[in-house]
Amino acid sequence: MSTPDANELHRVARSLSSDRLPGDWELVDSSSHTRVARNRTLELFYKEFRPRSPAESLKALLRGSRAQRARLNSEALSGVGINAPANIAWGRLGGGREYLFTAEVPGRGIDQWLRETLSGCSSELLARRRQLLEELGVFIGGMHATGFVHGDLRPGNVLASLEDGRFHFSLIDNERTVRFSTPPGRGLLRNLMQLNMLTPKELSLAARARFFRAWRRQMHDLSRLECKILGAEAYRWAMRRLDEKGFLTPGEAARAGL
């Protein structure tokens, strides 16, 4: 089925913003400041950006709106060979809201792969799990080495698909992604922490180390010691956050040094 033109998609956006679901569109869970919908037939996603505060319009004048940043950042990622959703149409709605239609990218979130698809204990699944983590480390390290720091690198924002025996990755939710000439240590630390937001039951320390070694091999501008410090601090930060949210058992917290 062909993709609707921009005028038709604008009509769809107005319907979705008014709580009307046209055709094959279905809502997807999202934050209170966005509305997300999906059309499986057209393989499209709709994202509506709602103002977070009265000051957001001023920020948009200085840095561009969230919708604009999402569009431009995805194009910047794609421009260096990092897969991100292709922009299809965008526009404005009333009340300071904007929308963006993007093409669906293949894959499932890294969290789904680890919690569901590759959660078994067979030798085949364990080998595939190790492959996923190592190739993910190469991908994230390549992104960082190119200068990008993702705005919200939680495992669900990294999609993976398995094709011809290799994992292919895509980045979504790119409105806060920034490219630097040299990525700051704090940004790298936050990204590594966000990826570590999985409990020890979901991802062992040895599995994290496998990812980290692959990531470190891409980071030629950092010393081995700098990488080691970043990895250790990211793990401790993630464990503290998981513990604060009540996701760790007392034993897991103790083993994490909390």
Protein backbone atom coordinates (compact mmCIF):
# COMPACT_ATOMS: atom_id res chain seq x y z
CA MET A 1 0.00 0.00 0.00
CA SER A 2 1.37 3.43 -0.95
CA THR A 3 2.11 6.04 1.70
CA PRO A 4 -0.49 8.85 1.91
CA ASP A 5 0.64 12.31 0.82
CA ALA A 6 1.41 15.13 3.25
CA ASN A 7 -2.12 16.61 3.07
CA GLU A 8 -3.73 13.28 3.92
CA LEU A 9 -1.29 12.70 6.76
CA HIS A 10 -2.07 16.16 8.13
CA ARG A 11 -5.75 15.17 8.27
CA VAL A 12 -4.73 11.95 10.05
CA ALA A 13 -2.67 13.98 12.53
CA ARG A 14 -5.65 16.22 13.32
CA SER A 15 -7.80 13.16 13.97
CA LEU A 16 -5.18 11.47 16.17
CA SER A 17 -4.65 14.66 18.15
CA SER A 18 -8.41 14.79 18.84
CA ASP A 19 -8.60 11.23 20.23
CA ARG A 20 -10.06 9.85 17.00
CA LEU A 21 -8.32 6.79 15.57
CA PRO A 22 -8.78 6.66 11.80
CA GLY A 23 -8.41 3.46 9.82
CA ASP A 24 -5.76 1.04 11.06
CA TRP A 25 -4.15 3.41 13.56
CA GLU A 26 -3.61 2.29 17.15
CA LEU A 27 -2.23 4.21 20.12
CA VAL A 28 1.12 3.25 21.65
CA ASP A 29 2.11 3.89 25.27
CA SER A 30 4.00 7.17 25.63
CA SER A 31 4.76 9.97 28.07
CA SER A 32 2.26 12.64 29.05
CA HIS A 33 4.05 15.12 26.77
CA THR A 34 3.68 13.03 23.63
CA ARG A 35 1.09 10.98 21.80
CA VAL A 36 2.29 8.05 19.72
CA ALA A 37 0.31 5.93 17.27
CA ARG A 38 1.17 3.17 14.86
CA ASN A 39 -0.26 1.94 11.57
CA ARG A 40 0.95 -1.60 10.96
CA THR A 41 -0.50 -1.70 7.44
CA LEU A 42 1.29 1.45 6.29
CA GLU A 43 4.32 0.74 8.53
CA LEU A 44 4.18 4.28 9.90
CA PHE A 45 4.54 5.85 13.32
CA TYR A 46 2.95 9.13 14.39
CA LYS A 47 4.39 11.19 17.24
CA GLU A 48 2.74 14.31 18.58
CA PHE A 49 4.89 16.67 20.65
CA ARG A 50 2.98 18.55 23.33
CA PRO A 51 4.42 21.59 25.14
CA ARG A 52 5.97 20.66 28.47
CA SER A 53 5.87 24.21 29.83
CA PRO A 54 5.16 27.80 28.71
CA ALA A 55 8.92 28.27 28.31
CA GLU A 56 9.13 25.61 25.61
CA SER A 57 8.22 28.04 22.81
CA LEU A 58 11.19 30.21 23.84
CA LYS A 59 13.50 27.20 23.86
CA ALA A 60 12.23 26.30 20.40
CA LEU A 61 13.33 29.70 19.09
CA LEU A 62 16.84 29.09 20.39
CA ARG A 63 17.34 25.37 19.74
CA GLY A 64 14.51 24.37 17.42
CA SER A 65 11.35 22.57 18.50
CA ARG A 66 11.42 18.99 19.76
CA ALA A 67 9.79 17.80 16.55
CA GLN A 68 12.36 19.66 14.46
CA ARG A 69 15.24 18.28 16.51
CA ALA A 70 13.85 14.75 16.23
CA ARG A 71 13.66 15.09 12.45
CA LEU A 72 17.09 16.66 11.99
CA ASN A 73 18.84 14.35 14.45
CA SER A 74 17.49 11.25 12.74
CA GLU A 75 18.70 12.63 9.41
CA ALA A 76 22.13 13.32 10.92
CA LEU A 77 22.38 9.78 12.25
CA SER A 78 21.33 8.32 8.93
CA GLY A 79 23.86 10.53 7.19
CA VAL A 80 26.75 8.74 8.89
CA GLY A 81 25.29 5.27 8.40
CA ILE A 82 23.50 4.87 11.75
CA ASN A 83 19.99 3.60 11.13
CA ALA A 84 17.16 5.83 12.38
CA PRO A 85 13.51 6.24 11.34
CA ALA A 86 13.05 7.96 7.97
CA ASN A 87 11.00 11.16 8.14
CA ILE A 88 7.80 11.04 6.07
CA ALA A 89 5.79 14.16 7.01
CA TRP A 90 5.64 16.78 9.74
CA GLY A 91 3.61 19.82 10.66
CA ARG A 92 1.96 21.96 13.33
CA LEU A 93 -1.27 21.58 15.27
CA GLY A 94 -3.05 24.02 17.56
CA GLY A 95 -1.85 24.86 21.05
CA GLY A 96 1.85 24.76 20.25
CA ARG A 97 1.76 21.09 19.30
CA GLU A 98 3.71 19.57 16.43
CA TYR A 99 3.74 16.14 14.83
CA LEU A 100 6.10 13.88 12.95
CA PHE A 101 5.33 10.81 10.85
CA THR A 102 8.20 8.36 10.42
CA ALA A 103 8.67 5.05 8.67
CA GLU A 104 8.67 2.03 10.95
CA VAL A 105 12.12 0.53 11.38
CA PRO A 106 12.47 -3.24 11.78
CA GLY A 107 13.34 -4.86 15.08
CA ARG A 108 12.48 -5.19 18.73
CA GLY A 109 13.90 -3.33 21.69
CA ILE A 110 17.07 -4.69 23.27
CA ASP A 111 15.09 -5.18 26.49
CA GLN A 112 12.62 -7.44 24.67
CA TRP A 113 15.42 -9.49 23.15
CA LEU A 114 17.04 -10.04 26.55
CA ARG A 115 13.88 -10.56 28.60
CA GLU A 116 11.87 -12.61 26.11
CA THR A 117 13.40 -13.74 22.82
CA LEU A 118 16.79 -14.82 24.20
CA SER A 119 15.84 -15.61 27.79
CA GLY A 120 16.30 -19.38 27.59
CA CYS A 121 19.28 -21.44 28.70
CA SER A 122 19.93 -23.57 25.62
CA SER A 123 23.41 -23.37 24.10
CA GLU A 124 21.97 -21.85 20.93
CA LEU A 125 20.15 -19.07 22.79
CA LEU A 126 23.17 -18.33 25.00
CA ALA A 127 25.40 -18.05 21.93
CA ARG A 128 22.93 -15.73 20.23
CA ARG A 129 22.65 -13.64 23.40
CA ARG A 130 26.43 -13.25 23.53
CA GLN A 131 26.41 -12.27 19.86
CA LEU A 132 23.72 -9.65 20.48
CA LEU A 133 25.66 -8.03 23.32
CA GLU A 134 28.96 -7.97 21.45
CA GLU A 135 27.45 -6.54 18.26
CA LEU A 136 25.48 -4.02 20.34
CA GLY A 137 28.74 -2.89 21.94
CA VAL A 138 30.27 -2.36 18.51
CA PHE A 139 27.22 -0.40 17.37
CA ILE A 140 26.99 1.88 20.43
CA GLY A 141 30.76 2.39 20.47
CA GLY A 142 30.63 3.35 16.80
CA MET A 143 27.87 5.86 17.51
CA HIS A 144 29.89 7.43 20.34
CA ALA A 145 33.11 7.41 18.32
CA THR A 146 31.27 9.35 15.59
CA GLY A 147 30.47 12.03 18.19
CA PHE A 148 26.82 11.28 18.94
CA VAL A 149 25.38 11.09 22.44
CA HIS A 150 21.81 9.81 22.48
CA GLY A 151 19.28 11.73 24.53
CA ASP A 152 17.61 8.66 26.05
CA LEU A 153 19.54 5.45 25.40
CA ARG A 154 17.30 3.13 27.39
CA PRO A 155 17.34 -0.44 26.01
CA GLY A 156 13.88 0.00 24.47
CA ASN A 157 15.14 2.86 22.29
CA VAL A 158 17.67 0.61 20.57
CA LEU A 159 15.90 -1.74 18.16
CA ALA A 160 17.58 -4.89 16.87
CA SER A 161 16.65 -7.19 14.00
CA LEU A 162 18.39 -10.44 13.09
CA GLU A 163 19.07 -10.75 9.36
CA ASP A 164 21.33 -13.30 7.68
CA GLY A 165 22.89 -14.24 11.00
CA ARG A 166 23.82 -10.68 12.00
CA PHE A 167 22.10 -8.13 14.22
CA HIS A 168 21.17 -4.77 12.73
CA PHE A 169 20.41 -1.87 15.07
CA SER A 170 18.33 1.31 14.85
CA LEU A 171 17.97 4.28 17.21
CA ILE A 172 14.57 5.81 17.95
CA ASP A 173 13.41 8.81 20.05
CA ASN A 174 16.20 11.02 18.77
CA GLU A 175 14.93 14.50 19.68
CA ARG A 176 17.56 15.00 22.41
CA THR A 177 20.43 13.35 20.57
CA VAL A 178 23.44 15.64 20.10
CA ARG A 179 26.55 15.36 17.98
CA PHE A 180 29.84 16.70 19.38
CA SER A 181 33.30 16.99 17.90
CA THR A 182 34.36 15.06 21.00
CA PRO A 183 31.55 13.54 23.08
CA PRO A 184 31.72 14.68 26.73
CA GLY A 185 32.46 12.09 29.39
CA ARG A 186 29.24 12.91 31.24
CA GLY A 187 27.20 12.17 28.12
CA LEU A 188 28.96 8.87 27.54
CA LEU A 189 28.47 7.98 31.19
CA ARG A 190 24.74 8.72 31.04
CA ASN A 191 24.28 6.64 27.88
CA LEU A 192 26.12 3.68 29.40
CA MET A 193 24.06 4.02 32.57
CA GLN A 194 20.83 4.07 30.58
CA LEU A 195 21.76 0.88 28.74
CA ASN A 196 22.61 -0.73 32.09
CA MET A 197 19.08 -0.22 33.42
CA LEU A 198 18.38 -3.96 33.48
CA THR A 199 18.32 -6.02 36.65
CA PRO A 200 20.98 -8.66 37.39
CA LYS A 201 18.38 -11.34 36.60
CA GLU A 202 17.94 -9.87 33.15
CA LEU A 203 21.62 -9.18 32.46
CA SER A 204 24.53 -10.68 34.38
CA LEU A 205 27.75 -8.84 35.20
CA ALA A 206 29.63 -11.09 32.76
CA ALA A 207 27.17 -10.20 30.00
CA ARG A 208 27.60 -6.49 30.70
CA ALA A 209 31.36 -6.94 30.51
CA ARG A 210 30.99 -8.57 27.08
CA PHE A 211 29.10 -5.52 25.80
CA PHE A 212 31.57 -3.14 27.43
CA ARG A 213 34.67 -4.75 25.93
CA ALA A 214 33.18 -4.44 22.44
CA TRP A 215 32.20 -0.81 23.14
CA ARG A 216 35.68 0.02 24.44
CA ARG A 217 37.38 -1.27 21.28
CA GLN A 218 35.60 1.44 19.27
CA MET A 219 36.65 4.28 21.59
CA HIS A 220 40.11 5.01 20.24
CA ASP A 221 40.28 8.52 21.76
CA LEU A 222 39.83 7.23 25.33
CA SER A 223 42.47 5.45 27.36
CA ARG A 224 41.86 2.01 28.79
CA LEU A 225 41.66 3.54 32.27
CA GLU A 226 39.13 6.18 31.19
CA CYS A 227 36.93 3.50 29.66
CA LYS A 228 37.21 1.34 32.76
CA ILE A 229 36.15 4.24 35.00
CA LEU A 230 33.20 5.06 32.74
CA GLY A 231 32.05 1.43 32.72
CA ALA A 232 32.29 1.00 36.48
CA GLU A 233 30.56 4.30 37.26
CA ALA A 234 27.78 3.61 34.73
CA TYR A 235 27.09 0.22 36.32
CA ARG A 236 27.00 1.66 39.87
CA TRP A 237 24.75 4.53 38.79
CA ALA A 238 22.32 2.14 37.10
CA MET A 239 22.23 -0.17 40.12
CA ARG A 240 21.55 2.77 42.44
CA ARG A 241 18.65 3.89 40.25
CA LEU A 242 17.23 0.37 40.03
CA ASP A 243 17.50 0.02 43.80
CA GLU A 244 15.76 3.36 44.37
CA LYS A 245 12.93 2.18 42.13
CA GLY A 246 12.62 -1.04 44.15
CA PHE A 247 13.77 -3.34 41.33
CA LEU A 248 16.68 -4.96 43.21
CA THR A 249 16.49 -7.57 45.94
CA PRO A 250 18.56 -6.92 49.10
CA GLY A 251 21.04 -9.54 47.91
CA GLU A 252 21.39 -7.96 44.48
CA ALA A 253 21.88 -4.53 46.03
CA ALA A 254 24.57 -5.89 48.36
CA ARG A 255 26.42 -7.58 45.49
CA ALA A 256 26.32 -4.29 43.58
CA GLY A 257 28.01 -2.60 46.55
CA LEU A 258 25.00 -0.53 47.59
